[in-house]
N, C-alpha and C. Protein backbone atom coordinates (compact mmCIF):
# COMPACT_ATOMS: atom_id res chain seq x y z
N MET A 1 -60.09 -1.04 75.55
CA MET A 1 -58.69 -1.19 75.93
C MET A 1 -58.32 -0.19 77.04
N LEU A 2 -58.78 1.05 76.85
CA LEU A 2 -58.48 2.10 77.83
C LEU A 2 -59.11 1.75 79.17
N GLU A 3 -60.34 1.24 79.10
CA GLU A 3 -61.05 0.86 80.31
C GLU A 3 -60.29 -0.25 81.05
N ARG A 4 -59.81 -1.21 80.28
CA ARG A 4 -59.05 -2.33 80.85
C ARG A 4 -57.78 -1.82 81.54
N LEU A 5 -57.11 -0.89 80.88
CA LEU A 5 -55.89 -0.31 81.47
C LEU A 5 -56.23 0.43 82.75
N GLN A 6 -57.32 1.19 82.74
CA GLN A 6 -57.73 1.93 83.95
C GLN A 6 -57.98 0.97 85.11
N GLN A 7 -58.59 -0.17 84.82
CA GLN A 7 -58.84 -1.17 85.87
C GLN A 7 -57.52 -1.69 86.44
N LEU A 8 -56.58 -2.00 85.55
CA LEU A 8 -55.27 -2.51 86.00
C LEU A 8 -54.54 -1.45 86.83
N LEU A 9 -54.61 -0.20 86.38
CA LEU A 9 -53.95 0.89 87.10
C LEU A 9 -54.57 1.06 88.49
N ALA A 10 -55.89 0.95 88.56
CA ALA A 10 -56.57 1.08 89.85
C ALA A 10 -56.10 0.00 90.82
N GLN A 11 -55.91 -1.23 90.29
CA GLN A 11 -55.43 -2.33 91.14
C GLN A 11 -54.00 -2.08 91.62
N SER A 12 -53.22 -1.38 90.82
CA SER A 12 -51.80 -1.20 91.15
C SER A 12 -51.56 0.02 92.03
N GLY A 13 -52.56 0.92 92.11
CA GLY A 13 -52.38 2.13 92.92
C GLY A 13 -51.53 3.20 92.26
N LEU A 14 -51.20 3.03 90.97
CA LEU A 14 -50.39 4.03 90.26
C LEU A 14 -51.29 5.18 89.79
N ARG A 15 -50.78 6.38 89.89
CA ARG A 15 -51.55 7.55 89.44
C ARG A 15 -51.08 7.93 88.03
N VAL A 16 -52.01 7.85 87.09
CA VAL A 16 -51.69 8.14 85.70
C VAL A 16 -52.80 9.02 85.14
N SER A 17 -52.42 10.10 84.45
CA SER A 17 -53.45 11.01 83.90
C SER A 17 -54.17 10.34 82.73
N GLN A 18 -55.32 10.90 82.38
CA GLN A 18 -56.10 10.38 81.26
C GLN A 18 -55.26 10.41 79.97
N ALA A 19 -54.57 11.53 79.75
CA ALA A 19 -53.75 11.66 78.53
C ALA A 19 -52.65 10.60 78.50
N GLN A 20 -52.02 10.35 79.66
CA GLN A 20 -50.96 9.34 79.72
C GLN A 20 -51.53 7.94 79.48
N ALA A 21 -52.70 7.66 80.04
CA ALA A 21 -53.34 6.36 79.82
C ALA A 21 -53.62 6.16 78.34
N GLU A 22 -54.06 7.23 77.66
CA GLU A 22 -54.33 7.13 76.23
C GLU A 22 -53.05 6.87 75.44
N GLN A 23 -51.95 7.49 75.87
CA GLN A 23 -50.65 7.24 75.21
C GLN A 23 -50.21 5.79 75.41
N LEU A 24 -50.44 5.25 76.60
CA LEU A 24 -50.05 3.86 76.88
C LEU A 24 -50.83 2.88 76.01
N VAL A 25 -52.12 3.16 75.84
CA VAL A 25 -52.94 2.30 74.98
C VAL A 25 -52.50 2.43 73.52
N GLU A 26 -52.16 3.65 73.13
CA GLU A 26 -51.66 3.88 71.76
C GLU A 26 -50.34 3.13 71.54
N LEU A 27 -49.48 3.09 72.57
CA LEU A 27 -48.22 2.35 72.47
C LEU A 27 -48.49 0.86 72.24
N VAL A 28 -49.48 0.30 72.92
CA VAL A 28 -49.83 -1.11 72.70
C VAL A 28 -50.30 -1.31 71.26
N ALA A 29 -51.09 -0.37 70.75
CA ALA A 29 -51.57 -0.47 69.37
C ALA A 29 -50.40 -0.46 68.38
N LEU A 30 -49.42 0.41 68.64
CA LEU A 30 -48.24 0.50 67.76
C LEU A 30 -47.42 -0.79 67.84
N LEU A 31 -47.23 -1.27 69.07
CA LEU A 31 -46.48 -2.53 69.26
C LEU A 31 -47.15 -3.66 68.51
N ASN A 32 -48.46 -3.74 68.64
CA ASN A 32 -49.21 -4.80 68.02
C ASN A 32 -49.10 -4.73 66.49
N LYS A 33 -49.20 -3.51 65.97
CA LYS A 33 -49.14 -3.31 64.51
C LYS A 33 -47.75 -3.64 63.96
N TRP A 34 -46.72 -3.11 64.60
CA TRP A 34 -45.35 -3.31 64.11
C TRP A 34 -44.83 -4.71 64.40
N ASN A 35 -45.40 -5.34 65.38
CA ASN A 35 -44.94 -6.67 65.76
C ASN A 35 -45.13 -7.66 64.61
N LYS A 36 -46.17 -7.47 63.85
CA LYS A 36 -46.48 -8.40 62.75
C LYS A 36 -45.34 -8.42 61.73
N ALA A 37 -44.75 -7.26 61.47
CA ALA A 37 -43.68 -7.18 60.48
C ALA A 37 -42.29 -7.34 61.11
N TYR A 38 -42.13 -6.83 62.32
CA TYR A 38 -40.79 -6.72 62.91
C TYR A 38 -40.48 -7.76 63.97
N ASN A 39 -41.52 -8.49 64.41
CA ASN A 39 -41.32 -9.50 65.45
C ASN A 39 -40.59 -8.93 66.67
N LEU A 40 -41.20 -7.93 67.28
CA LEU A 40 -40.56 -7.21 68.40
C LEU A 40 -40.76 -7.91 69.73
N THR A 41 -41.84 -8.67 69.86
CA THR A 41 -42.13 -9.35 71.13
C THR A 41 -42.87 -10.64 70.84
N SER A 42 -42.69 -11.61 71.71
CA SER A 42 -43.37 -12.90 71.53
C SER A 42 -44.82 -12.82 72.01
N VAL A 43 -45.16 -11.73 72.70
CA VAL A 43 -46.54 -11.55 73.16
C VAL A 43 -47.36 -11.01 71.99
N ARG A 44 -48.35 -11.78 71.56
CA ARG A 44 -49.10 -11.41 70.36
C ARG A 44 -50.43 -10.71 70.66
N ASP A 45 -50.96 -10.92 71.82
CA ASP A 45 -52.29 -10.42 72.15
C ASP A 45 -52.20 -9.06 72.83
N PRO A 46 -52.86 -8.04 72.29
CA PRO A 46 -52.78 -6.70 72.89
C PRO A 46 -53.21 -6.66 74.35
N GLY A 47 -54.20 -7.46 74.71
CA GLY A 47 -54.64 -7.51 76.11
C GLY A 47 -53.53 -8.03 77.01
N ALA A 48 -52.82 -9.05 76.53
CA ALA A 48 -51.69 -9.59 77.30
C ALA A 48 -50.54 -8.58 77.35
N MET A 49 -50.38 -7.81 76.28
CA MET A 49 -49.32 -6.78 76.26
C MET A 49 -49.56 -5.75 77.37
N LEU A 50 -50.83 -5.42 77.61
CA LEU A 50 -51.15 -4.45 78.66
C LEU A 50 -50.59 -4.89 80.01
N VAL A 51 -50.75 -6.19 80.29
CA VAL A 51 -50.29 -6.72 81.58
C VAL A 51 -48.78 -6.96 81.55
N ARG A 52 -48.33 -7.72 80.56
CA ARG A 52 -46.95 -8.23 80.57
C ARG A 52 -45.91 -7.21 80.14
N HIS A 53 -46.34 -6.19 79.40
CA HIS A 53 -45.39 -5.16 78.97
C HIS A 53 -45.64 -3.82 79.65
N ILE A 54 -46.88 -3.34 79.59
CA ILE A 54 -47.14 -2.00 80.11
C ILE A 54 -47.13 -1.99 81.64
N MET A 55 -47.99 -2.79 82.26
CA MET A 55 -48.05 -2.80 83.73
C MET A 55 -46.74 -3.28 84.34
N ASP A 56 -46.13 -4.27 83.71
CA ASP A 56 -44.86 -4.82 84.21
C ASP A 56 -43.76 -3.76 84.20
N SER A 57 -43.87 -2.81 83.28
CA SER A 57 -42.91 -1.70 83.23
C SER A 57 -43.26 -0.60 84.24
N LEU A 58 -44.55 -0.28 84.31
CA LEU A 58 -44.98 0.86 85.14
C LEU A 58 -44.73 0.66 86.62
N VAL A 59 -44.79 -0.59 87.09
CA VAL A 59 -44.64 -0.81 88.54
C VAL A 59 -43.26 -0.40 89.06
N VAL A 60 -42.32 -0.15 88.15
CA VAL A 60 -40.98 0.30 88.56
C VAL A 60 -40.99 1.79 88.90
N SER A 61 -41.98 2.52 88.39
CA SER A 61 -41.98 3.98 88.47
C SER A 61 -41.76 4.56 89.87
N PRO A 62 -42.42 4.02 90.92
CA PRO A 62 -42.24 4.62 92.24
C PRO A 62 -40.80 4.56 92.76
N TYR A 63 -39.95 3.73 92.15
CA TYR A 63 -38.59 3.53 92.67
C TYR A 63 -37.54 4.31 91.88
N LEU A 64 -37.99 5.13 90.94
CA LEU A 64 -37.04 5.93 90.15
C LEU A 64 -36.60 7.15 90.95
N GLN A 65 -35.32 7.23 91.25
CA GLN A 65 -34.78 8.38 91.98
C GLN A 65 -33.81 9.13 91.08
N GLY A 66 -34.07 10.43 90.88
CA GLY A 66 -33.19 11.22 90.02
C GLY A 66 -33.89 11.66 88.75
N GLN A 67 -33.09 12.13 87.80
CA GLN A 67 -33.64 12.75 86.57
C GLN A 67 -33.28 12.00 85.30
N ARG A 68 -32.10 11.40 85.27
CA ARG A 68 -31.61 10.78 84.02
C ARG A 68 -31.51 9.27 84.16
N PHE A 69 -32.14 8.58 83.20
CA PHE A 69 -32.18 7.12 83.26
C PHE A 69 -31.81 6.52 81.91
N ILE A 70 -31.18 5.36 81.96
CA ILE A 70 -30.90 4.62 80.73
C ILE A 70 -31.50 3.23 80.88
N ASP A 71 -32.22 2.83 79.84
CA ASP A 71 -32.82 1.49 79.80
C ASP A 71 -31.96 0.67 78.85
N VAL A 72 -31.17 -0.24 79.41
CA VAL A 72 -30.22 -1.01 78.59
C VAL A 72 -30.86 -2.30 78.09
N GLY A 73 -30.60 -2.61 76.81
CA GLY A 73 -31.25 -3.78 76.21
C GLY A 73 -32.75 -3.60 76.22
N THR A 74 -33.18 -2.41 75.78
CA THR A 74 -34.58 -2.01 75.92
C THR A 74 -35.55 -2.82 75.06
N GLY A 75 -35.02 -3.52 74.03
CA GLY A 75 -35.93 -4.25 73.13
C GLY A 75 -36.81 -3.24 72.43
N PRO A 76 -38.14 -3.47 72.41
CA PRO A 76 -39.01 -2.50 71.76
C PRO A 76 -39.38 -1.33 72.68
N GLY A 77 -38.47 -0.99 73.62
CA GLY A 77 -38.72 0.18 74.49
C GLY A 77 -39.36 -0.15 75.81
N LEU A 78 -39.01 -1.31 76.36
CA LEU A 78 -39.59 -1.74 77.64
C LEU A 78 -38.50 -1.97 78.67
N PRO A 79 -38.59 -1.39 79.84
CA PRO A 79 -39.70 -0.59 80.37
C PRO A 79 -39.63 0.90 80.05
N GLY A 80 -38.64 1.32 79.24
CA GLY A 80 -38.37 2.75 79.05
C GLY A 80 -39.52 3.58 78.55
N LEU A 81 -40.22 3.13 77.49
CA LEU A 81 -41.29 3.95 76.93
C LEU A 81 -42.46 4.15 77.91
N PRO A 82 -43.00 3.08 78.52
CA PRO A 82 -44.07 3.31 79.49
C PRO A 82 -43.64 4.21 80.64
N LEU A 83 -42.40 4.03 81.12
CA LEU A 83 -41.91 4.87 82.23
C LEU A 83 -41.78 6.32 81.79
N ALA A 84 -41.32 6.55 80.56
CA ALA A 84 -41.17 7.92 80.06
C ALA A 84 -42.53 8.59 79.91
N ILE A 85 -43.53 7.82 79.51
CA ILE A 85 -44.88 8.39 79.33
C ILE A 85 -45.43 8.91 80.66
N ILE A 86 -45.23 8.15 81.74
CA ILE A 86 -45.83 8.60 83.02
C ILE A 86 -44.86 9.42 83.88
N ASN A 87 -43.63 9.63 83.37
CA ASN A 87 -42.67 10.50 84.07
C ASN A 87 -42.13 11.55 83.10
N PRO A 88 -42.99 12.47 82.63
CA PRO A 88 -42.54 13.43 81.61
C PRO A 88 -41.45 14.37 82.11
N ASP A 89 -41.25 14.43 83.43
CA ASP A 89 -40.22 15.31 83.99
C ASP A 89 -38.85 14.65 84.04
N LYS A 90 -38.76 13.37 83.69
CA LYS A 90 -37.47 12.66 83.72
C LYS A 90 -37.01 12.36 82.29
N GLN A 91 -35.69 12.24 82.12
CA GLN A 91 -35.11 11.97 80.81
C GLN A 91 -34.74 10.49 80.69
N PHE A 92 -35.01 9.90 79.53
CA PHE A 92 -34.72 8.48 79.32
C PHE A 92 -33.93 8.26 78.03
N ILE A 93 -32.84 7.51 78.15
CA ILE A 93 -32.14 7.02 76.96
C ILE A 93 -32.48 5.54 76.84
N LEU A 94 -32.94 5.13 75.66
CA LEU A 94 -33.28 3.72 75.43
C LEU A 94 -32.24 3.13 74.49
N LEU A 95 -31.53 2.14 74.99
CA LEU A 95 -30.37 1.61 74.28
C LEU A 95 -30.61 0.17 73.83
N ASP A 96 -30.35 -0.09 72.57
CA ASP A 96 -30.43 -1.47 72.07
C ASP A 96 -29.51 -1.59 70.86
N SER A 97 -29.00 -2.79 70.63
CA SER A 97 -28.05 -2.96 69.51
C SER A 97 -28.77 -3.30 68.20
N LEU A 98 -30.06 -3.62 68.28
CA LEU A 98 -30.79 -4.04 67.06
C LEU A 98 -31.50 -2.86 66.41
N GLY A 99 -31.17 -2.63 65.14
CA GLY A 99 -31.72 -1.50 64.40
C GLY A 99 -33.24 -1.48 64.33
N LYS A 100 -33.85 -2.65 64.12
CA LYS A 100 -35.32 -2.65 63.94
C LYS A 100 -36.02 -2.21 65.23
N ARG A 101 -35.45 -2.54 66.38
CA ARG A 101 -36.05 -2.11 67.65
C ARG A 101 -35.93 -0.60 67.82
N ILE A 102 -34.74 -0.08 67.51
CA ILE A 102 -34.51 1.37 67.64
C ILE A 102 -35.40 2.14 66.67
N ARG A 103 -35.58 1.61 65.46
CA ARG A 103 -36.48 2.25 64.49
C ARG A 103 -37.90 2.30 65.03
N PHE A 104 -38.33 1.20 65.63
CA PHE A 104 -39.67 1.18 66.21
C PHE A 104 -39.81 2.24 67.32
N ILE A 105 -38.80 2.29 68.20
CA ILE A 105 -38.86 3.24 69.32
C ILE A 105 -38.92 4.69 68.80
N ARG A 106 -38.09 5.00 67.80
CA ARG A 106 -38.08 6.37 67.27
C ARG A 106 -39.43 6.73 66.65
N MET A 107 -40.01 5.77 65.96
CA MET A 107 -41.33 6.00 65.37
C MET A 107 -42.36 6.22 66.49
N ALA A 108 -42.31 5.39 67.53
CA ALA A 108 -43.27 5.50 68.64
C ALA A 108 -43.11 6.83 69.37
N VAL A 109 -41.87 7.23 69.60
CA VAL A 109 -41.59 8.51 70.29
C VAL A 109 -42.18 9.67 69.50
N HIS A 110 -41.96 9.63 68.18
CA HIS A 110 -42.48 10.67 67.30
C HIS A 110 -44.02 10.66 67.32
N HIS A 111 -44.58 9.49 67.17
CA HIS A 111 -46.03 9.31 67.10
C HIS A 111 -46.71 9.75 68.41
N LEU A 112 -46.08 9.44 69.53
CA LEU A 112 -46.67 9.76 70.84
C LEU A 112 -46.30 11.16 71.32
N GLY A 113 -45.41 11.83 70.57
CA GLY A 113 -45.02 13.20 70.93
C GLY A 113 -44.22 13.28 72.22
N LEU A 114 -43.34 12.29 72.45
CA LEU A 114 -42.54 12.28 73.68
C LEU A 114 -41.26 13.10 73.47
N SER A 115 -41.02 14.05 74.38
CA SER A 115 -39.82 14.89 74.24
C SER A 115 -38.72 14.48 75.21
N ASN A 116 -38.99 13.44 76.03
CA ASN A 116 -38.02 13.07 77.07
C ASN A 116 -37.37 11.71 76.81
N VAL A 117 -37.38 11.28 75.54
CA VAL A 117 -36.80 9.97 75.19
C VAL A 117 -35.84 10.12 74.02
N GLU A 118 -34.68 9.48 74.15
CA GLU A 118 -33.74 9.39 73.03
C GLU A 118 -33.41 7.92 72.82
N ALA A 119 -33.55 7.46 71.60
CA ALA A 119 -33.23 6.06 71.28
C ALA A 119 -31.82 5.99 70.70
N VAL A 120 -31.00 5.08 71.21
CA VAL A 120 -29.61 4.96 70.77
C VAL A 120 -29.33 3.52 70.36
N GLN A 121 -28.82 3.35 69.14
CA GLN A 121 -28.44 2.01 68.71
C GLN A 121 -26.96 1.80 69.00
N SER A 122 -26.69 0.91 69.95
CA SER A 122 -25.31 0.63 70.34
C SER A 122 -25.29 -0.58 71.25
N ARG A 123 -24.16 -1.25 71.28
CA ARG A 123 -23.95 -2.24 72.33
C ARG A 123 -23.63 -1.47 73.60
N VAL A 124 -24.11 -1.98 74.73
CA VAL A 124 -23.98 -1.20 75.96
C VAL A 124 -22.52 -0.93 76.32
N GLU A 125 -21.65 -1.91 76.07
CA GLU A 125 -20.24 -1.72 76.47
C GLU A 125 -19.54 -0.68 75.58
N ASP A 126 -20.10 -0.39 74.39
CA ASP A 126 -19.50 0.60 73.49
C ASP A 126 -20.06 2.00 73.68
N PHE A 127 -21.14 2.11 74.44
CA PHE A 127 -21.83 3.40 74.57
C PHE A 127 -21.16 4.27 75.62
N GLN A 128 -20.69 5.43 75.19
CA GLN A 128 -20.03 6.37 76.11
C GLN A 128 -20.88 7.63 76.25
N PRO A 129 -21.67 7.73 77.33
CA PRO A 129 -22.54 8.89 77.46
C PRO A 129 -21.76 10.15 77.84
N GLU A 130 -22.26 11.29 77.38
CA GLU A 130 -21.64 12.57 77.75
C GLU A 130 -21.86 12.84 79.23
N GLN A 131 -22.98 12.36 79.73
CA GLN A 131 -23.35 12.60 81.12
C GLN A 131 -23.80 11.27 81.71
N LYS A 132 -23.39 10.98 82.95
CA LYS A 132 -23.76 9.70 83.57
C LYS A 132 -25.22 9.71 84.03
N PHE A 133 -25.68 8.56 84.51
CA PHE A 133 -27.11 8.39 84.79
C PHE A 133 -27.40 8.18 86.28
N ASP A 134 -28.56 8.67 86.70
CA ASP A 134 -29.02 8.44 88.07
C ASP A 134 -29.50 7.01 88.25
N GLY A 135 -29.99 6.43 87.16
CA GLY A 135 -30.47 5.06 87.24
C GLY A 135 -30.20 4.30 85.96
N VAL A 136 -29.70 3.07 86.10
CA VAL A 136 -29.47 2.17 84.96
C VAL A 136 -30.48 1.04 85.09
N ILE A 137 -31.42 0.99 84.15
CA ILE A 137 -32.55 0.05 84.27
C ILE A 137 -32.37 -1.09 83.28
N SER A 138 -32.66 -2.30 83.72
CA SER A 138 -32.70 -3.41 82.76
C SER A 138 -33.85 -4.33 83.11
N ARG A 139 -34.50 -4.83 82.07
CA ARG A 139 -35.67 -5.67 82.30
C ARG A 139 -35.42 -7.09 81.84
N ALA A 140 -34.71 -7.24 80.74
CA ALA A 140 -34.59 -8.60 80.20
C ALA A 140 -33.11 -8.95 80.01
N PHE A 141 -32.28 -8.37 80.86
CA PHE A 141 -30.84 -8.61 80.72
C PHE A 141 -30.49 -10.00 81.19
N ALA A 142 -29.44 -10.57 80.61
CA ALA A 142 -29.05 -11.94 80.92
C ALA A 142 -28.94 -12.18 82.42
N SER A 143 -27.84 -11.77 83.00
CA SER A 143 -27.65 -12.01 84.43
C SER A 143 -27.26 -10.70 85.10
N LEU A 144 -27.44 -10.65 86.40
CA LEU A 144 -27.06 -9.48 87.17
C LEU A 144 -25.58 -9.18 86.99
N ASP A 145 -24.79 -10.24 87.00
CA ASP A 145 -23.34 -10.13 86.85
C ASP A 145 -22.97 -9.44 85.54
N ASP A 146 -23.61 -9.88 84.45
CA ASP A 146 -23.36 -9.27 83.13
C ASP A 146 -23.79 -7.82 83.12
N MET A 147 -24.97 -7.57 83.66
CA MET A 147 -25.47 -6.20 83.68
C MET A 147 -24.51 -5.27 84.41
N LEU A 148 -24.08 -5.69 85.61
CA LEU A 148 -23.22 -4.84 86.43
C LEU A 148 -21.85 -4.65 85.78
N GLY A 149 -21.39 -5.69 85.08
CA GLY A 149 -20.09 -5.61 84.40
C GLY A 149 -20.14 -4.70 83.19
N TRP A 150 -21.13 -4.94 82.33
CA TRP A 150 -21.22 -4.19 81.07
C TRP A 150 -21.67 -2.76 81.26
N CYS A 151 -22.38 -2.49 82.36
CA CYS A 151 -22.95 -1.15 82.56
C CYS A 151 -22.20 -0.35 83.62
N ALA A 152 -21.04 -0.84 84.05
CA ALA A 152 -20.32 -0.22 85.17
C ALA A 152 -19.99 1.25 84.91
N HIS A 153 -19.83 1.63 83.63
CA HIS A 153 -19.42 3.00 83.29
C HIS A 153 -20.60 3.97 83.17
N LEU A 154 -21.82 3.50 83.41
CA LEU A 154 -23.00 4.33 83.12
C LEU A 154 -23.55 5.16 84.29
N PRO A 155 -23.58 4.63 85.53
CA PRO A 155 -24.19 5.45 86.59
C PRO A 155 -23.24 6.49 87.18
N THR A 156 -23.84 7.53 87.75
CA THR A 156 -23.06 8.49 88.53
C THR A 156 -22.60 7.78 89.82
N ALA A 157 -21.75 8.47 90.59
CA ALA A 157 -21.25 7.86 91.84
C ALA A 157 -22.40 7.48 92.77
N GLU A 158 -23.48 8.28 92.74
CA GLU A 158 -24.64 7.98 93.59
C GLU A 158 -25.71 7.20 92.84
N GLY A 159 -25.45 6.94 91.56
CA GLY A 159 -26.47 6.30 90.73
C GLY A 159 -26.77 4.87 91.15
N GLN A 160 -27.91 4.38 90.71
CA GLN A 160 -28.34 3.03 91.09
C GLN A 160 -28.54 2.15 89.86
N PHE A 161 -28.33 0.86 90.08
CA PHE A 161 -28.72 -0.14 89.07
C PHE A 161 -30.10 -0.66 89.48
N LEU A 162 -31.03 -0.68 88.54
CA LEU A 162 -32.37 -1.17 88.81
C LEU A 162 -32.63 -2.36 87.88
N ALA A 163 -32.60 -3.55 88.43
CA ALA A 163 -32.77 -4.75 87.61
C ALA A 163 -34.12 -5.40 87.90
N LEU A 164 -34.91 -5.55 86.85
CA LEU A 164 -36.20 -6.23 86.98
C LEU A 164 -35.99 -7.72 86.84
N LYS A 165 -36.38 -8.45 87.87
CA LYS A 165 -36.15 -9.89 87.89
C LYS A 165 -37.46 -10.63 88.17
N GLY A 166 -37.45 -11.91 87.90
CA GLY A 166 -38.60 -12.74 88.26
C GLY A 166 -38.47 -13.15 89.72
N GLN A 167 -37.97 -14.35 89.93
CA GLN A 167 -37.80 -14.82 91.31
C GLN A 167 -36.67 -14.06 92.00
N TYR A 168 -36.69 -14.08 93.32
CA TYR A 168 -35.64 -13.43 94.12
C TYR A 168 -34.28 -14.04 93.73
N PRO A 169 -33.34 -13.23 93.19
CA PRO A 169 -32.10 -13.80 92.64
C PRO A 169 -31.01 -14.03 93.69
N GLU A 170 -31.27 -14.96 94.56
CA GLU A 170 -30.39 -15.17 95.72
C GLU A 170 -28.94 -15.44 95.34
N GLN A 171 -28.74 -16.38 94.41
CA GLN A 171 -27.36 -16.75 94.04
C GLN A 171 -26.63 -15.59 93.37
N GLU A 172 -27.35 -14.89 92.49
CA GLU A 172 -26.72 -13.76 91.80
C GLU A 172 -26.30 -12.68 92.81
N LEU A 173 -27.13 -12.46 93.81
CA LEU A 173 -26.82 -11.41 94.80
C LEU A 173 -25.67 -11.84 95.71
N ALA A 174 -25.54 -13.14 95.92
CA ALA A 174 -24.44 -13.64 96.76
C ALA A 174 -23.09 -13.38 96.10
N ALA A 175 -23.11 -13.20 94.76
CA ALA A 175 -21.85 -13.03 94.02
C ALA A 175 -21.56 -11.58 93.66
N LEU A 176 -22.19 -10.64 94.36
CA LEU A 176 -21.95 -9.22 94.05
C LEU A 176 -20.49 -8.84 94.27
N PRO A 177 -19.88 -8.09 93.34
CA PRO A 177 -18.50 -7.65 93.56
C PRO A 177 -18.41 -6.68 94.74
N ALA A 178 -17.23 -6.58 95.32
CA ALA A 178 -17.04 -5.82 96.57
C ALA A 178 -17.36 -4.34 96.45
N HIS A 179 -17.19 -3.77 95.24
CA HIS A 179 -17.41 -2.31 95.11
C HIS A 179 -18.89 -1.97 94.99
N LEU A 180 -19.75 -2.98 94.97
CA LEU A 180 -21.19 -2.74 94.88
C LEU A 180 -21.90 -3.32 96.08
N GLU A 181 -23.03 -2.73 96.43
CA GLU A 181 -23.80 -3.31 97.53
C GLU A 181 -25.29 -3.31 97.19
N LEU A 182 -25.97 -4.29 97.75
CA LEU A 182 -27.41 -4.38 97.55
C LEU A 182 -28.08 -3.30 98.39
N HIS A 183 -28.87 -2.47 97.72
CA HIS A 183 -29.60 -1.43 98.44
C HIS A 183 -30.91 -2.03 98.98
N ARG A 184 -31.76 -2.53 98.07
CA ARG A 184 -33.00 -3.18 98.49
C ARG A 184 -33.48 -4.10 97.37
N VAL A 185 -34.28 -5.08 97.76
CA VAL A 185 -35.04 -5.84 96.77
C VAL A 185 -36.51 -5.60 97.07
N TYR A 186 -37.20 -5.05 96.10
CA TYR A 186 -38.64 -4.76 96.27
C TYR A 186 -39.46 -5.82 95.56
N PRO A 187 -40.35 -6.51 96.28
CA PRO A 187 -41.29 -7.39 95.58
C PRO A 187 -42.30 -6.52 94.83
N LEU A 188 -42.54 -6.84 93.58
CA LEU A 188 -43.46 -6.05 92.76
C LEU A 188 -44.76 -6.83 92.55
N THR A 189 -45.85 -6.13 92.58
CA THR A 189 -47.13 -6.76 92.29
C THR A 189 -47.64 -6.23 90.96
N VAL A 190 -47.71 -7.11 89.97
CA VAL A 190 -48.25 -6.73 88.67
C VAL A 190 -49.64 -7.33 88.57
N PRO A 191 -50.69 -6.51 88.51
CA PRO A 191 -52.05 -7.04 88.48
C PRO A 191 -52.22 -8.07 87.36
N GLU A 192 -52.81 -9.21 87.72
CA GLU A 192 -53.16 -10.27 86.77
C GLU A 192 -51.95 -10.96 86.14
N GLN A 193 -50.78 -10.76 86.70
CA GLN A 193 -49.61 -11.47 86.17
C GLN A 193 -49.21 -12.60 87.09
N GLU A 194 -49.00 -13.77 86.50
CA GLU A 194 -48.56 -14.93 87.28
C GLU A 194 -47.07 -14.81 87.59
N GLY A 195 -46.64 -15.48 88.65
CA GLY A 195 -45.20 -15.56 88.91
C GLY A 195 -44.68 -14.37 89.69
N ASP A 196 -43.50 -14.56 90.27
CA ASP A 196 -42.89 -13.51 91.10
C ASP A 196 -42.26 -12.43 90.23
N ARG A 197 -42.26 -11.21 90.73
CA ARG A 197 -41.50 -10.12 90.12
C ARG A 197 -40.78 -9.38 91.25
N HIS A 198 -39.52 -9.07 91.01
CA HIS A 198 -38.74 -8.32 92.00
C HIS A 198 -37.95 -7.23 91.30
N LEU A 199 -37.79 -6.11 91.99
CA LEU A 199 -36.89 -5.07 91.52
C LEU A 199 -35.68 -5.06 92.44
N VAL A 200 -34.52 -5.32 91.85
CA VAL A 200 -33.27 -5.36 92.62
C VAL A 200 -32.56 -4.01 92.43
N VAL A 201 -32.32 -3.32 93.52
CA VAL A 201 -31.65 -2.02 93.46
C VAL A 201 -30.25 -2.16 94.08
N ILE A 202 -29.25 -1.83 93.25
CA ILE A 202 -27.84 -1.98 93.67
C ILE A 202 -27.15 -0.65 93.49
N LYS A 203 -26.27 -0.32 94.44
CA LYS A 203 -25.51 0.93 94.28
C LYS A 203 -24.05 0.72 94.64
N GLN A 204 -23.25 1.75 94.39
CA GLN A 204 -21.82 1.68 94.73
C GLN A 204 -21.69 1.55 96.25
N ALA A 205 -20.79 0.69 96.67
CA ALA A 205 -20.59 0.50 98.11
C ALA A 205 -20.00 1.78 98.72
N SER A 206 -20.49 2.16 99.89
CA SER A 206 -19.94 3.34 100.55
C SER A 206 -18.80 2.88 101.46
N HIS A 207 -17.64 3.50 101.24
CA HIS A 207 -16.48 3.07 102.04
C HIS A 207 -16.22 4.07 103.16
C-alpha cells in the first residue's frame, strides 16, 4: 500500500515525507475498517481510496495560502485529514453535522497523533468561530452558491473560498454575487483518476 502511494505521489510531484506517507496509508486503513460499521464512504476498496480520497485531497495542498483552514462538510475528514497530515504547520478545523463522522475523525486524529486538527460537530451556518479563516475548503458541497452563502461568515477579509469541483463550473461562476470575485480556477491532475477535477478559488471583491 505504501509503495502504491509513493508511486502516486511521484506522479503528482507532491513532496511528502516517509512518516507522512505512512500516516496517509494508516488513514486509509482506519477508513476501511470503520467504513464497515459506520458507512463513511461509498468507496469500499482501499486501493481506490488512495486515489479517490487521499490523492484527490492532497492535490489541493499547493494552493493553501495562510495558516488557518476550515473544511466544511468534511464527511470522514476529506480533504481535511490528508491536508493536515502533509501540512503540520497549518491549523485545520473539520466541520460536519453528523456525529458518526466527527467521532471517526476524532479517533483518527488521536490514532495518528495529529496536533493541528480540531473536529467540530455543527451545521456550517450555526458555527461561529472565535477566529476567522484564511481558507474555507469544501470538497463535496452541494453548489457553489450554497457554499458561498452558508460560509460567508467564515473567512477573513483576505480569506479565500477553495471549492473542489469536477467539471469547470461555468454556470455557477456566472452567478457569483457582486461582493465576491473569481480569483482563479486551477485544473487539477489526480493520478489514475478519471474525469475532470478543478479547484475554484474565490475571494472578496476588491473595491
